[in-house]
Structures are given as structure tokens and as C-alpha cells.
Amino acid sequence: MVTESSLTRAGLLALAADPVRYQLLTTLSQGEECVCDLQKEVPVPMNLLSYHLRVLREAGLVTCTPRGRRRDYRLAEGAMERLVAALPGAGLSAGVSETRGPGEEE
């Protein structure tokens, strides 16, 4: 049975699997970056970079701090943990059971 929780987890993984967003997450896992520096690391047109950063912000995976005309981006607190928890069986390997919906068997 497909549950809302599994759709949410699958959606989060699909979001992060996009090559540009994956590269952004990888870069930001090293620390905060200005959008101008991110463009050097992820060589795509600025409008496309802005789009992908907005998608990551809306998903709660990155945060943005305006600083004058610049914008600094960083991973949101708990972003990597959310991505790892979205993996199938991730909670099981740590001894934590996954939440099951009504009618689902273990």
C-alpha cells in the first residue's frame, strides 16, 4: 500500500536526485556559500540556479540569508538527516521502526 508518508519520502528523494540540486546540496554540505560562489561551483545560467535554489528552499532543505545585494545559502538544520531518513529502511537499520499506516503489515 502506498502511504502519504512514502510519497513524501519519495518526493524528497526525487527532488534531491536532480543533478543540479544534488550538486548544490553537495556543495552546501561543505558550508555556507554566496549565490555568486555557487554559480562557480554549479555552472548553470543564473535563472536556472535561482530556480533550483528556490525548489530546495521550499522543500526546507536550504535556507537563505540576504546580506545587502548578496544572498548566502546553507543547508537547513536537519536537512541531511531528513534525506537519510527518506531512504527505504533507513530507520530500520538504526533500530527505529518506520511509521506504518492503517492496514499496513510489518
PDB file of N, CA and C in Angstrom:
ATOM      1  N   MET A   1       0.841  -1.182   0.000  1.00  0.00           N
ATOM      2  CA  MET A   1       0.000   0.000   0.000  1.00  0.00           C
ATOM      3  C   MET A   1       0.888   1.248   0.000  1.00  0.00           C
ATOM      4  N   VAL A   2       0.604   2.211  -0.839  1.00  0.00           N
ATOM      5  CA  VAL A   2       1.356   3.455  -0.905  1.00  0.00           C
ATOM      6  C   VAL A   2       0.718   4.430   0.072  1.00  0.00           C
ATOM      7  N   THR A   3       1.524   4.947   1.001  1.00  0.00           N
ATOM      8  CA  THR A   3       1.021   5.882   2.000  1.00  0.00           C
ATOM      9  C   THR A   3       1.482   7.294   1.675  1.00  0.00           C
ATOM     10  N   GLU A   4       0.836   8.277   2.306  1.00  0.00           N
ATOM     11  CA  GLU A   4       1.237   9.667   2.123  1.00  0.00           C
ATOM     12  C   GLU A   4       2.679   9.861   2.574  1.00  0.00           C
ATOM     13  N   SER A   5       3.058   9.174   3.632  1.00  0.00           N
ATOM     14  CA  SER A   5       4.425   9.266   4.145  1.00  0.00           C
ATOM     15  C   SER A   5       5.442   8.774   3.117  1.00  0.00           C
ATOM     16  N   SER A   6       5.139   7.652   2.452  1.00  0.00           N
ATOM     17  CA  SER A   6       6.081   7.136   1.457  1.00  0.00           C
ATOM     18  C   SER A   6       6.138   8.040   0.239  1.00  0.00           C
ATOM     19  N   LEU A   7       5.002   8.668  -0.123  1.00  0.00           N
ATOM     20  CA  LEU A   7       5.020   9.623  -1.227  1.00  0.00           C
ATOM     21  C   LEU A   7       5.873  10.836  -0.876  1.00  0.00           C
ATOM     22  N   THR A   8       5.775  11.295   0.356  1.00  0.00           N
ATOM     23  CA  THR A   8       6.572  12.432   0.799  1.00  0.00           C
ATOM     24  C   THR A   8       8.050  12.074   0.767  1.00  0.00           C
ATOM     25  N   ARG A   9       8.400  10.903   1.267  1.00  0.00           N
ATOM     26  CA  ARG A   9       9.804  10.470   1.263  1.00  0.00           C
ATOM     27  C   ARG A   9      10.306  10.323  -0.169  1.00  0.00           C
ATOM     28  N   ALA A  10       9.503   9.705  -1.026  1.00  0.00           N
ATOM     29  CA  ALA A  10       9.907   9.529  -2.423  1.00  0.00           C
ATOM     30  C   ALA A  10      10.062  10.880  -3.113  1.00  0.00           C
ATOM     31  N   GLY A  11       9.164  11.807  -2.824  1.00  0.00           N
ATOM     32  CA  GLY A  11       9.252  13.137  -3.409  1.00  0.00           C
ATOM     33  C   GLY A  11      10.501  13.870  -2.972  1.00  0.00           C
ATOM     34  N   LEU A  12      10.867  13.734  -1.709  1.00  0.00           N
ATOM     35  CA  LEU A  12      12.076  14.371  -1.207  1.00  0.00           C
ATOM     36  C   LEU A  12      13.312  13.794  -1.888  1.00  0.00           C
ATOM     37  N   LEU A  13      13.348  12.477  -2.043  1.00  0.00           N
ATOM     38  CA  LEU A  13      14.483  11.854  -2.717  1.00  0.00           C
ATOM     39  C   LEU A  13      14.538  12.239  -4.192  1.00  0.00           C
ATOM     40  N   ALA A  14      13.376  12.296  -4.848  1.00  0.00           N
ATOM     41  CA  ALA A  14      13.336  12.691  -6.256  1.00  0.00           C
ATOM     42  C   ALA A  14      13.809  14.133  -6.420  1.00  0.00           C
ATOM     43  N   LEU A  15      13.415  14.981  -5.498  1.00  0.00           N
ATOM     44  CA  LEU A  15      13.833  16.381  -5.530  1.00  0.00           C
ATOM     45  C   LEU A  15      15.356  16.489  -5.440  1.00  0.00           C
ATOM     46  N   ALA A  16      15.954  15.733  -4.525  1.00  0.00           N
ATOM     47  CA  ALA A  16      17.398  15.791  -4.319  1.00  0.00           C
ATOM     48  C   ALA A  16      18.170  15.075  -5.431  1.00  0.00           C
ATOM     49  N   ALA A  17      17.505  14.205  -6.181  1.00  0.00           N
ATOM     50  CA  ALA A  17      18.188  13.423  -7.210  1.00  0.00           C
ATOM     51  C   ALA A  17      18.450  14.206  -8.492  1.00  0.00           C
ATOM     52  N   ASP A  18      17.795  15.348  -8.659  1.00  0.00           N
ATOM     53  CA  ASP A  18      18.078  16.175  -9.833  1.00  0.00           C
ATOM     54  C   ASP A  18      19.567  16.532  -9.812  1.00  0.00           C
ATOM     55  N   PRO A  19      20.284  16.380 -10.932  1.00  0.00           N
ATOM     56  CA  PRO A  19      21.734  16.605 -10.936  1.00  0.00           C
ATOM     57  C   PRO A  19      22.161  17.986 -10.437  1.00  0.00           C
ATOM     58  N   VAL A  20      21.448  19.032 -10.799  1.00  0.00           N
ATOM     59  CA  VAL A  20      21.821  20.380 -10.348  1.00  0.00           C
ATOM     60  C   VAL A  20      21.576  20.514  -8.849  1.00  0.00           C
ATOM     61  N   ARG A  21      20.422  20.049  -8.375  1.00  0.00           N
ATOM     62  CA  ARG A  21      20.121  20.155  -6.945  1.00  0.00           C
ATOM     63  C   ARG A  21      21.042  19.263  -6.131  1.00  0.00           C
ATOM     64  N   TYR A  22      21.392  18.103  -6.658  1.00  0.00           N
ATOM     65  CA  TYR A  22      22.341  17.221  -5.957  1.00  0.00           C
ATOM     66  C   TYR A  22      23.682  17.926  -5.800  1.00  0.00           C
ATOM     67  N   GLN A  23      24.137  18.577  -6.851  1.00  0.00           N
ATOM     68  CA  GLN A  23      25.412  19.291  -6.787  1.00  0.00           C
ATOM     69  C   GLN A  23      25.324  20.463  -5.809  1.00  0.00           C
ATOM     70  N   LEU A  24      24.204  21.159  -5.782  1.00  0.00           N
ATOM     71  CA  LEU A  24      24.021  22.250  -4.815  1.00  0.00           C
ATOM     72  C   LEU A  24      24.054  21.719  -3.380  1.00  0.00           C
ATOM     73  N   LEU A  25      23.350  20.628  -3.123  1.00  0.00           N
ATOM     74  CA  LEU A  25      23.352  20.045  -1.782  1.00  0.00           C
ATOM     75  C   LEU A  25      24.750  19.592  -1.379  1.00  0.00           C
ATOM     76  N   THR A  26      25.461  18.995  -2.321  1.00  0.00           N
ATOM     77  CA  THR A  26      26.826  18.548  -2.042  1.00  0.00           C
ATOM     78  C   THR A  26      27.725  19.737  -1.707  1.00  0.00           C
ATOM     79  N   THR A  27      27.631  20.792  -2.494  1.00  0.00           N
ATOM     80  CA  THR A  27      28.440  21.986  -2.256  1.00  0.00           C
ATOM     81  C   THR A  27      28.089  22.618  -0.912  1.00  0.00           C
ATOM     82  N   LEU A  28      26.797  22.747  -0.625  1.00  0.00           N
ATOM     83  CA  LEU A  28      26.377  23.383   0.628  1.00  0.00           C
ATOM     84  C   LEU A  28      26.652  22.512   1.843  1.00  0.00           C
ATOM     85  N   SER A  29      26.864  21.222   1.651  1.00  0.00           N
ATOM     86  CA  SER A  29      27.205  20.359   2.787  1.00  0.00           C
ATOM     87  C   SER A  29      28.591  20.711   3.334  1.00  0.00           C
ATOM     88  N   GLN A  30      29.385  21.443   2.530  1.00  0.00           N
ATOM     89  CA  GLN A  30      30.712  21.886   2.966  1.00  0.00           C
ATOM     90  C   GLN A  30      30.651  23.202   3.742  1.00  0.00           C
ATOM     91  N   GLY A  31      29.511  23.899   3.676  1.00  0.00           N
ATOM     92  CA  GLY A  31      29.355  25.146   4.411  1.00  0.00           C
ATOM     93  C   GLY A  31      28.600  26.183   3.603  1.00  0.00           C
ATOM     94  N   GLU A  32      28.361  27.318   4.238  1.00  0.00           N
ATOM     95  CA  GLU A  32      27.602  28.414   3.626  1.00  0.00           C
ATOM     96  C   GLU A  32      28.325  28.966   2.402  1.00  0.00           C
ATOM     97  N   GLU A  33      27.531  29.324   1.387  1.00  0.00           N
ATOM     98  CA  GLU A  33      28.081  29.877   0.145  1.00  0.00           C
ATOM     99  C   GLU A  33      27.214  31.024  -0.336  1.00  0.00           C
ATOM    100  N   CYS A  34      27.852  32.035  -0.885  1.00  0.00           N
ATOM    101  CA  CYS A  34      27.151  33.115  -1.565  1.00  0.00           C
ATOM    102  C   CYS A  34      26.663  32.567  -2.903  1.00  0.00           C
ATOM    103  N   VAL A  35      25.525  33.087  -3.376  1.00  0.00           N
ATOM    104  CA  VAL A  35      24.979  32.612  -4.644  1.00  0.00           C
ATOM    105  C   VAL A  35      25.992  32.816  -5.780  1.00  0.00           C
ATOM    106  N   CYS A  36      26.800  33.872  -5.705  1.00  0.00           N
ATOM    107  CA  CYS A  36      27.798  34.099  -6.762  1.00  0.00           C
ATOM    108  C   CYS A  36      28.868  33.004  -6.753  1.00  0.00           C
ATOM    109  N   ASP A  37      29.219  32.502  -5.562  1.00  0.00           N
ATOM    110  CA  ASP A  37      30.180  31.402  -5.471  1.00  0.00           C
ATOM    111  C   ASP A  37      29.544  30.078  -5.878  1.00  0.00           C
ATOM    112  N   LEU A  38      28.261  29.920  -5.581  1.00  0.00           N
ATOM    113  CA  LEU A  38      27.564  28.701  -6.001  1.00  0.00           C
ATOM    114  C   LEU A  38      27.544  28.591  -7.519  1.00  0.00           C
ATOM    115  N   GLN A  39      27.416  29.719  -8.196  1.00  0.00           N
ATOM    116  CA  GLN A  39      27.378  29.686  -9.655  1.00  0.00           C
ATOM    117  C   GLN A  39      28.709  29.207 -10.226  1.00  0.00           C
ATOM    118  N   LYS A  40      29.803  29.461  -9.530  1.00  0.00           N
ATOM    119  CA  LYS A  40      31.111  28.951  -9.969  1.00  0.00           C
ATOM    120  C   LYS A  40      31.181  27.436  -9.795  1.00  0.00           C
ATOM    121  N   GLU A  41      30.570  26.939  -8.724  1.00  0.00           N
ATOM    122  CA  GLU A  41      30.588  25.500  -8.430  1.00  0.00           C
ATOM    123  C   GLU A  41      29.585  24.727  -9.286  1.00  0.00           C
ATOM    124  N   VAL A  42      28.461  25.366  -9.586  1.00  0.00           N
ATOM    125  CA  VAL A  42      27.383  24.736 -10.355  1.00  0.00           C
ATOM    126  C   VAL A  42      27.163  25.602 -11.588  1.00  0.00           C
ATOM    127  N   PRO A  43      27.927  25.339 -12.649  1.00  0.00           N
ATOM    128  CA  PRO A  43      27.910  26.231 -13.817  1.00  0.00           C
ATOM    129  C   PRO A  43      26.655  26.094 -14.691  1.00  0.00           C
ATOM    130  N   VAL A  44      25.584  26.714 -14.218  1.00  0.00           N
ATOM    131  CA  VAL A  44      24.330  26.778 -14.981  1.00  0.00           C
ATOM    132  C   VAL A  44      23.934  28.252 -15.039  1.00  0.00           C
ATOM    133  N   PRO A  45      23.076  28.633 -15.978  1.00  0.00           N
ATOM    134  CA  PRO A  45      22.628  30.029 -16.032  1.00  0.00           C
ATOM    135  C   PRO A  45      22.005  30.457 -14.696  1.00  0.00           C
ATOM    136  N   MET A  46      22.166  31.738 -14.353  1.00  0.00           N
ATOM    137  CA  MET A  46      21.708  32.255 -13.061  1.00  0.00           C
ATOM    138  C   MET A  46      20.216  32.017 -12.832  1.00  0.00           C
ATOM    139  N   ASN A  47      19.388  32.162 -13.886  1.00  0.00           N
ATOM    140  CA  ASN A  47      17.956  31.936 -13.682  1.00  0.00           C
ATOM    141  C   ASN A  47      17.665  30.478 -13.322  1.00  0.00           C
ATOM    142  N   LEU A  48      18.409  29.539 -13.882  1.00  0.00           N
ATOM    143  CA  LEU A  48      18.224  28.129 -13.559  1.00  0.00           C
ATOM    144  C   LEU A  48      18.735  27.831 -12.148  1.00  0.00           C
ATOM    145  N   LEU A  49      19.854  28.436 -11.779  1.00  0.00           N
ATOM    146  CA  LEU A  49      20.392  28.274 -10.425  1.00  0.00           C
ATOM    147  C   LEU A  49      19.379  28.792  -9.404  1.00  0.00           C
ATOM    148  N   SER A  50      18.815  29.964  -9.665  1.00  0.00           N
ATOM    149  CA  SER A  50      17.822  30.543  -8.759  1.00  0.00           C
ATOM    150  C   SER A  50      16.598  29.639  -8.623  1.00  0.00           C
ATOM    151  N   TYR A  51      16.167  29.063  -9.730  1.00  0.00           N
ATOM    152  CA  TYR A  51      15.020  28.146  -9.708  1.00  0.00           C
ATOM    153  C   TYR A  51      15.307  26.955  -8.789  1.00  0.00           C
ATOM    154  N   HIS A  52      16.452  26.318  -8.963  1.00  0.00           N
ATOM    155  CA  HIS A  52      16.780  25.134  -8.169  1.00  0.00           C
ATOM    156  C   HIS A  52      16.963  25.486  -6.694  1.00  0.00           C
ATOM    157  N   LEU A  53      17.539  26.632  -6.408  1.00  0.00           N
ATOM    158  CA  LEU A  53      17.671  27.062  -5.015  1.00  0.00           C
ATOM    159  C   LEU A  53      16.296  27.316  -4.394  1.00  0.00           C
ATOM    160  N   ARG A  54      15.372  27.871  -5.167  1.00  0.00           N
ATOM    161  CA  ARG A  54      14.017  28.101  -4.668  1.00  0.00           C
ATOM    162  C   ARG A  54      13.327  26.770  -4.363  1.00  0.00           C
ATOM    163  N   VAL A  55      13.499  25.785  -5.237  1.00  0.00           N
ATOM    164  CA  VAL A  55      12.905  24.461  -5.002  1.00  0.00           C
ATOM    165  C   VAL A  55      13.454  23.867  -3.706  1.00  0.00           C
ATOM    166  N   LEU A  56      14.755  23.975  -3.500  1.00  0.00           N
ATOM    167  CA  LEU A  56      15.375  23.446  -2.280  1.00  0.00           C
ATOM    168  C   LEU A  56      14.909  24.220  -1.042  1.00  0.00           C
ATOM    169  N   ARG A  57      14.741  25.532  -1.173  1.00  0.00           N
ATOM    170  CA  ARG A  57      14.237  26.344  -0.051  1.00  0.00           C
ATOM    171  C   ARG A  57      12.809  25.933   0.298  1.00  0.00           C
ATOM    172  N   GLU A  58      11.961  25.806  -0.719  1.00  0.00           N
ATOM    173  CA  GLU A  58      10.562  25.435  -0.480  1.00  0.00           C
ATOM    174  C   GLU A  58      10.427  24.045   0.130  1.00  0.00           C
ATOM    175  N   ALA A  59      11.383  23.178  -0.144  1.00  0.00           N
ATOM    176  CA  ALA A  59      11.381  21.831   0.440  1.00  0.00           C
ATOM    177  C   ALA A  59      11.970  21.833   1.850  1.00  0.00           C
ATOM    178  N   GLY A  60      12.478  22.978   2.278  1.00  0.00           N
ATOM    179  CA  GLY A  60      13.057  23.077   3.613  1.00  0.00           C
ATOM    180  C   GLY A  60      14.444  22.477   3.728  1.00  0.00           C
ATOM    181  N   LEU A  61      15.135  22.297   2.602  1.00  0.00           N
ATOM    182  CA  LEU A  61      16.469  21.704   2.636  1.00  0.00           C
ATOM    183  C   LEU A  61      17.583  22.746   2.712  1.00  0.00           C
ATOM    184  N   VAL A  62      17.333  23.957   2.249  1.00  0.00           N
ATOM    185  CA  VAL A  62      18.325  25.030   2.358  1.00  0.00           C
ATOM    186  C   VAL A  62      17.644  26.286   2.899  1.00  0.00           C
ATOM    187  N   THR A  63      18.453  27.149   3.480  1.00  0.00           N
ATOM    188  CA  THR A  63      17.981  28.448   3.940  1.00  0.00           C
ATOM    189  C   THR A  63      18.803  29.528   3.268  1.00  0.00           C
ATOM    190  N   CYS A  64      18.239  30.718   3.227  1.00  0.00           N
ATOM    191  CA  CYS A  64      18.870  31.840   2.554  1.00  0.00           C
ATOM    192  C   CYS A  64      18.903  33.024   3.511  1.00  0.00           C
ATOM    193  N   THR A  65      20.059  33.691   3.551  1.00  0.00           N
ATOM    194  CA  THR A  65      20.195  34.894   4.353  1.00  0.00           C
ATOM    195  C   THR A  65      20.605  36.028   3.436  1.00  0.00           C
ATOM    196  N   PRO A  66      19.733  37.046   3.261  1.00  0.00           N
ATOM    197  CA  PRO A  66      20.122  38.191   2.442  1.00  0.00           C
ATOM    198  C   PRO A  66      21.183  39.010   3.180  1.00  0.00           C
ATOM    199  N   ARG A  67      22.193  39.441   2.435  1.00  0.00           N
ATOM    200  CA  ARG A  67      23.240  40.281   3.011  1.00  0.00           C
ATOM    201  C   ARG A  67      23.547  41.364   1.993  1.00  0.00           C
ATOM    202  N   GLY A  68      22.855  42.491   2.110  1.00  0.00           N
ATOM    203  CA  GLY A  68      22.977  43.533   1.102  1.00  0.00           C
ATOM    204  C   GLY A  68      22.398  43.037  -0.204  1.00  0.00           C
ATOM    205  N   ARG A  69      23.196  43.108  -1.261  1.00  0.00           N
ATOM    206  CA  ARG A  69      22.742  42.607  -2.565  1.00  0.00           C
ATOM    207  C   ARG A  69      23.046  41.125  -2.739  1.00  0.00           C
ATOM    208  N   ARG A  70      23.760  40.555  -1.801  1.00  0.00           N
ATOM    209  CA  ARG A  70      24.134  39.144  -1.869  1.00  0.00           C
ATOM    210  C   ARG A  70      23.138  38.288  -1.102  1.00  0.00           C
ATOM    211  N   ARG A  71      23.135  37.024  -1.436  1.00  0.00           N
ATOM    212  CA  ARG A  71      22.334  36.046  -0.691  1.00  0.00           C
ATOM    213  C   ARG A  71      23.248  34.876  -0.364  1.00  0.00           C
ATOM    214  N   ASP A  72      23.291  34.547   0.912  1.00  0.00           N
ATOM    215  CA  ASP A  72      24.093  33.410   1.356  1.00  0.00           C
ATOM    216  C   ASP A  72      23.168  32.229   1.605  1.00  0.00           C
ATOM    217  N   TYR A  73      23.579  31.063   1.125  1.00  0.00           N
ATOM    218  CA  TYR A  73      22.786  29.841   1.267  1.00  0.00           C
ATOM    219  C   TYR A  73      23.542  28.852   2.134  1.00  0.00           C
ATOM    220  N   ARG A  74      22.766  28.066   2.873  1.00  0.00           N
ATOM    221  CA  ARG A  74      23.341  26.992   3.691  1.00  0.00           C
ATOM    222  C   ARG A  74      22.302  25.878   3.789  1.00  0.00           C
ATOM    223  N   LEU A  75      22.760  24.695   4.153  1.00  0.00           N
ATOM    224  CA  LEU A  75      21.809  23.606   4.390  1.00  0.00           C
ATOM    225  C   LEU A  75      20.965  23.961   5.605  1.00  0.00           C
ATOM    226  N   ALA A  76      19.698  23.670   5.530  1.00  0.00           N
ATOM    227  CA  ALA A  76      18.820  23.870   6.676  1.00  0.00           C
ATOM    228  C   ALA A  76      19.188  22.868   7.760  1.00  0.00           C
ATOM    229  N   GLU A  77      18.937  23.248   8.986  1.00  0.00           N
ATOM    230  CA  GLU A  77      19.219  22.344  10.091  1.00  0.00           C
ATOM    231  C   GLU A  77      18.419  21.060   9.909  1.00  0.00           C
ATOM    232  N   GLY A  78      19.086  19.932   9.978  1.00  0.00           N
ATOM    233  CA  GLY A  78      18.439  18.633   9.842  1.00  0.00           C
ATOM    234  C   GLY A  78      18.183  18.186   8.411  1.00  0.00           C
ATOM    235  N   ALA A  79      18.664  18.941   7.422  1.00  0.00           N
ATOM    236  CA  ALA A  79      18.392  18.594   6.021  1.00  0.00           C
ATOM    237  C   ALA A  79      18.964  17.227   5.652  1.00  0.00           C
ATOM    238  N   MET A  80      20.204  16.985   6.003  1.00  0.00           N
ATOM    239  CA  MET A  80      20.815  15.699   5.651  1.00  0.00           C
ATOM    240  C   MET A  80      20.136  14.546   6.383  1.00  0.00           C
ATOM    241  N   GLU A  81      19.757  14.775   7.618  1.00  0.00           N
ATOM    242  CA  GLU A  81      19.065  13.739   8.374  1.00  0.00           C
ATOM    243  C   GLU A  81      17.720  13.414   7.726  1.00  0.00           C
ATOM    244  N   ARG A  82      17.008  14.436   7.237  1.00  0.00           N
ATOM    245  CA  ARG A  82      15.736  14.206   6.549  1.00  0.00           C
ATOM    246  C   ARG A  82      15.937  13.380   5.283  1.00  0.00           C
ATOM    247  N   LEU A  83      17.010  13.680   4.537  1.00  0.00           N
ATOM    248  CA  LEU A  83      17.278  12.929   3.316  1.00  0.00           C
ATOM    249  C   LEU A  83      17.629  11.474   3.630  1.00  0.00           C
ATOM    250  N   VAL A  84      18.450  11.271   4.639  1.00  0.00           N
ATOM    251  CA  VAL A  84      18.827   9.907   5.020  1.00  0.00           C
ATOM    252  C   VAL A  84      17.596   9.152   5.525  1.00  0.00           C
ATOM    253  N   ALA A  85      16.769   9.821   6.312  1.00  0.00           N
ATOM    254  CA  ALA A  85      15.560   9.173   6.842  1.00  0.00           C
ATOM    255  C   ALA A  85      14.576   8.817   5.735  1.00  0.00           C
ATOM    256  N   ALA A  86      14.651   9.500   4.601  1.00  0.00           N
ATOM    257  CA  ALA A  86      13.747   9.220   3.485  1.00  0.00           C
ATOM    258  C   ALA A  86      14.139   7.952   2.739  1.00  0.00           C
ATOM    259  N   LEU A  87      15.348   7.470   2.939  1.00  0.00           N
ATOM    260  CA  LEU A  87      15.788   6.245   2.257  1.00  0.00           C
ATOM    261  C   LEU A  87      15.011   5.039   2.766  1.00  0.00           C
ATOM    262  N   PRO A  88      14.671   4.106   1.876  1.00  0.00           N
ATOM    263  CA  PRO A  88      13.944   2.910   2.310  1.00  0.00           C
ATOM    264  C   PRO A  88      14.728   2.141   3.365  1.00  0.00           C
ATOM    265  N   GLY A  89      14.072   1.831   4.462  1.00  0.00           N
ATOM    266  CA  GLY A  89      14.702   1.041   5.512  1.00  0.00           C
ATOM    267  C   GLY A  89      15.705   1.791   6.358  1.00  0.00           C
ATOM    268  N   ALA A  90      15.847   3.093   6.177  1.00  0.00           N
ATOM    269  CA  ALA A  90      16.854   3.856   6.925  1.00  0.00           C
ATOM    270  C   ALA A  90      16.619   3.768   8.425  1.00  0.00           C
ATOM    271  N   GLY A  91      15.370   3.889   8.852  1.00  0.00           N
ATOM    272  CA  GLY A  91      15.072   3.807  10.277  1.00  0.00           C
ATOM    273  C   GLY A  91      15.264   2.402  10.824  1.00  0.00           C
ATOM    274  N   LEU A  92      15.075   1.404   9.973  1.00  0.00           N
ATOM    275  CA  LEU A  92      15.212   0.019  10.420  1.00  0.00           C
ATOM    276  C   LEU A  92      16.647  -0.329  10.757  1.00  0.00           C
ATOM    277  N   SER A  93      17.596   0.211   9.987  1.00  0.00           N
ATOM    278  CA  SER A  93      18.998  -0.121  10.236  1.00  0.00           C
ATOM    279  C   SER A  93      19.493   0.517  11.516  1.00  0.00           C
ATOM    280  N   ALA A  94      18.832   1.595  11.967  1.00  0.00           N
ATOM    281  CA  ALA A  94      19.225   2.255  13.199  1.00  0.00           C
ATOM    282  C   ALA A  94      18.414   1.751  14.386  1.00  0.00           C
ATOM    283  N   GLY A  95      17.600   0.726  14.148  1.00  0.00           N
ATOM    284  CA  GLY A  95      16.802   0.174  15.227  1.00  0.00           C
ATOM    285  C   GLY A  95      15.530   0.968  15.485  1.00  0.00           C
ATOM    286  N   VAL A  96      15.167   1.853  14.571  1.00  0.00           N
ATOM    287  CA  VAL A  96      13.958   2.654  14.709  1.00  0.00           C
ATOM    288  C   VAL A  96      12.953   2.125  13.706  1.00  0.00           C
ATOM    289  N   SER A  97      11.731   1.866  14.152  1.00  0.00           N
ATOM    290  CA  SER A  97      10.736   1.348  13.216  1.00  0.00           C
ATOM    291  C   SER A  97      10.138   2.488  12.414  1.00  0.00           C
ATOM    292  N   GLU A  98       9.798   2.207  11.159  1.00  0.00           N
ATOM    293  CA  GLU A  98       9.141   3.196  10.318  1.00  0.00           C
ATOM    294  C   GLU A  98       7.692   3.302  10.744  1.00  0.00           C
ATOM    295  N   THR A  99       7.109   4.467  10.576  1.00  0.00           N
ATOM    296  CA  THR A  99       5.693   4.663  10.867  1.00  0.00           C
ATOM    297  C   THR A  99       4.885   3.938   9.807  1.00  0.00           C
ATOM    298  N   ARG A 100       3.934   3.161  10.214  1.00  0.00           N
ATOM    299  CA  ARG A 100       3.110   2.404   9.293  1.00  0.00           C
ATOM    300  C   ARG A 100       1.703   2.968   9.312  1.00  0.00           C
ATOM    301  N   GLY A 101       1.110   2.990   8.156  1.00  0.00           N
ATOM    302  CA  GLY A 101      -0.263   3.472   8.043  1.00  0.00           C
ATOM    303  C   GLY A 101      -1.240   2.376   8.392  1.00  0.00           C
ATOM    304  N   PRO A 102      -2.514   2.713   8.532  1.00  0.00           N
ATOM    305  CA  PRO A 102      -3.530   1.701   8.858  1.00  0.00           C
ATOM    306  C   PRO A 102      -3.575   0.629   7.769  1.00  0.00           C
ATOM    307  N   GLY A 103      -3.637  -0.596   8.180  1.00  0.00           N
ATOM    308  CA  GLY A 103      -3.755  -1.701   7.236  1.00  0.00           C
ATOM    309  C   GLY A 103      -2.425  -2.172   6.665  1.00  0.00           C
ATOM    310  N   GLU A 104      -1.312  -1.529   7.046  1.00  0.00           N
ATOM    311  CA  GLU A 104      -0.014  -1.972   6.533  1.00  0.00           C
ATOM    312  C   GLU A 104       0.564  -3.006   7.484  1.00  0.00           C
ATOM    313  N   GLU A 105       1.178  -4.015   6.907  1.00  0.00           N
ATOM    314  CA  GLU A 105       1.806  -5.054   7.707  1.00  0.00           C
ATOM    315  C   GLU A 105       3.289  -4.789   7.822  1.00  0.00           C
ATOM    316  N   GLU A 106       3.902  -5.347   8.858  1.00  0.00           N
ATOM    317  CA  GLU A 106       5.349  -5.215   9.023  1.00  0.00           C
ATOM    318  C   GLU A 106       6.075  -6.201   8.158  1.00  0.00           C
TER     319      GLU A 106
END
